[in-house]
Protein backbone atom coordinates (compact mmCIF):
# COMPACT_ATOMS: atom_id res chain seq x y z
CA MET A 1 -93.21 -36.49 14.98
CA ALA A 2 -94.72 -36.70 18.46
CA ILE A 3 -98.46 -36.73 18.83
CA GLN A 4 -100.01 -35.89 22.13
CA ILE A 5 -103.78 -36.30 23.21
CA LEU A 6 -104.48 -33.36 25.51
CA GLN A 7 -106.93 -31.48 27.42
CA LEU A 8 -106.28 -28.34 25.45
CA GLY A 9 -108.10 -25.94 27.75
CA ILE A 10 -110.17 -25.86 30.93
CA GLY A 11 -111.54 -22.90 32.98
CA THR A 12 -114.22 -20.20 33.35
CA ILE A 13 -115.18 -17.31 31.18
CA PRO A 14 -116.49 -14.36 33.12
CA VAL A 15 -119.49 -12.54 31.71
CA ASN A 16 -118.67 -9.80 29.09
CA THR A 17 -115.06 -10.80 29.06
CA PRO A 18 -113.45 -12.29 25.91
CA LYS A 19 -111.16 -15.19 26.59
CA ASP A 20 -108.97 -17.74 24.69
CA PRO A 21 -110.11 -21.03 26.10
CA LEU A 22 -106.85 -22.55 24.76
CA GLY A 23 -104.89 -20.17 27.15
CA THR A 24 -102.29 -19.40 24.48
CA ALA A 25 -101.79 -19.43 20.76
CA VAL A 26 -100.37 -22.62 19.14
CA ALA A 27 -96.60 -22.66 19.51
CA THR A 28 -94.29 -22.38 16.56
CA GLY A 29 -93.46 -25.88 15.16
CA LYS A 30 -96.77 -27.23 16.51
CA ALA A 31 -100.24 -27.86 15.08
CA ARG A 32 -103.50 -28.59 17.06
CA ILE A 33 -106.73 -30.24 16.35
CA VAL A 34 -109.52 -29.31 18.64
CA LYS A 35 -111.72 -32.44 18.65
CA ASN A 36 -114.44 -31.28 21.19
CA MET A 37 -115.52 -28.09 22.97
CA ARG A 38 -117.94 -28.03 25.85
CA PHE A 39 -119.44 -24.76 27.27
CA VAL A 40 -121.80 -24.58 30.23
CA ASN A 41 -123.70 -21.58 31.45
CA THR A 42 -123.35 -21.91 35.33
CA SER A 43 -125.97 -19.24 36.06
CA THR A 44 -129.08 -20.77 37.56
CA THR A 45 -131.27 -17.85 36.53
CA THR A 46 -130.08 -15.95 33.26
CA SER A 47 -129.30 -17.01 29.78
CA VAL A 48 -126.04 -16.05 28.12
CA ALA A 49 -125.06 -15.41 24.60
CA LEU A 50 -121.80 -16.87 23.24
CA ASN A 51 -119.71 -16.53 20.19
CA ILE A 52 -116.58 -18.62 19.42
CA TYR A 53 -114.02 -17.45 16.93
CA VAL A 54 -110.82 -18.72 15.34
CA VAL A 55 -108.12 -16.03 15.25
CA ALA A 56 -105.46 -16.60 12.47
CA GLY A 57 -103.18 -13.57 12.30
CA SER A 58 -105.29 -10.61 10.99
CA GLU A 59 -108.35 -12.91 10.24
CA THR A 60 -111.01 -13.60 12.87
CA ARG A 61 -113.72 -16.15 11.85
CA LEU A 62 -116.99 -17.09 13.65
CA VAL A 63 -117.02 -20.99 14.26
CA SER A 64 -120.14 -21.16 16.37
CA PRO A 65 -123.68 -20.18 15.87
CA SER A 66 -123.95 -16.41 15.93
CA ASN A 67 -125.07 -15.19 19.40
CA LEU A 68 -125.58 -18.83 20.55
CA THR A 69 -127.96 -18.63 23.62
CA LEU A 70 -127.21 -20.79 26.52
CA ALA A 71 -130.10 -21.05 28.98
CA PRO A 72 -129.30 -21.29 32.69
CA GLY A 73 -127.42 -24.56 33.24
CA ALA A 74 -127.35 -25.43 29.58
CA LEU A 75 -124.50 -27.19 27.79
CA TYR A 76 -123.19 -26.54 24.25
CA ILE A 77 -121.11 -29.16 22.64
CA ASP A 78 -119.20 -28.62 19.47
CA ASP A 79 -117.60 -31.95 18.30
CA GLN A 80 -116.60 -30.76 14.82
CA GLU A 81 -112.79 -30.72 14.42
CA ILE A 82 -111.02 -27.31 14.17
CA THR A 83 -107.40 -27.40 12.87
CA LEU A 84 -105.00 -24.68 14.22
CA GLU A 85 -101.60 -23.79 12.94
CA ALA A 86 -98.72 -22.03 14.80
CA THR A 87 -99.96 -18.67 16.15
CA HIS A 88 -103.65 -19.54 15.74
CA LYS A 89 -105.81 -19.26 18.74
CA LEU A 90 -109.51 -19.23 19.83
CA LYS A 91 -111.60 -16.46 21.31
CA ALA A 92 -114.85 -17.04 23.16
CA THR A 93 -116.98 -13.92 23.70
CA PRO A 94 -119.85 -14.07 26.14
CA GLY A 95 -122.59 -11.64 26.32
CA ALA A 96 -123.15 -9.01 29.04
CA THR A 97 -125.55 -10.97 31.20
CA GLY A 98 -125.77 -14.55 32.51
CA GLY A 99 -122.77 -16.83 33.06
CA PRO A 100 -120.10 -17.21 33.93
CA ILE A 101 -119.36 -20.08 31.45
CA ASP A 102 -117.30 -23.13 32.40
CA PHE A 103 -115.47 -24.77 29.41
CA VAL A 104 -113.30 -27.96 28.63
CA LEU A 105 -111.58 -28.49 25.30
CA SER A 106 -109.99 -31.69 24.20
CA GLY A 107 -107.84 -32.56 21.25
CA ILE A 108 -104.39 -33.38 19.99
CA GLU A 109 -101.25 -31.51 19.39
CA ARG A 110 -98.35 -32.60 17.09
CA ASP A 111 -95.05 -31.50 15.89
CA VAL A 112 -95.25 -29.93 12.43
CA SER A 113 -92.02 -31.46 11.01
């Protein structure tokens, strides 16, 4: 059973554009634990609202504070573990102003069997 410590995602979320910070859903036969998520509002003048969800099949559940407001240049760190099974993914939804938001996600991935 292989376990890998990984940078699960890195990139930028444009304003008013939902994005999966992991890039893709968890592959069949794999499981992931997101150990740390960092989101930074790169705007120097405007705050941005952010919501982060786990998407598991037809279920979508909020896992961040609702409409979390990031001030210009502010950092949000979530270091609570989130376990994801095959086909699960994350969705980050920024507000209509502010941003863009830079992000880095770290964690582990392992084989299920």
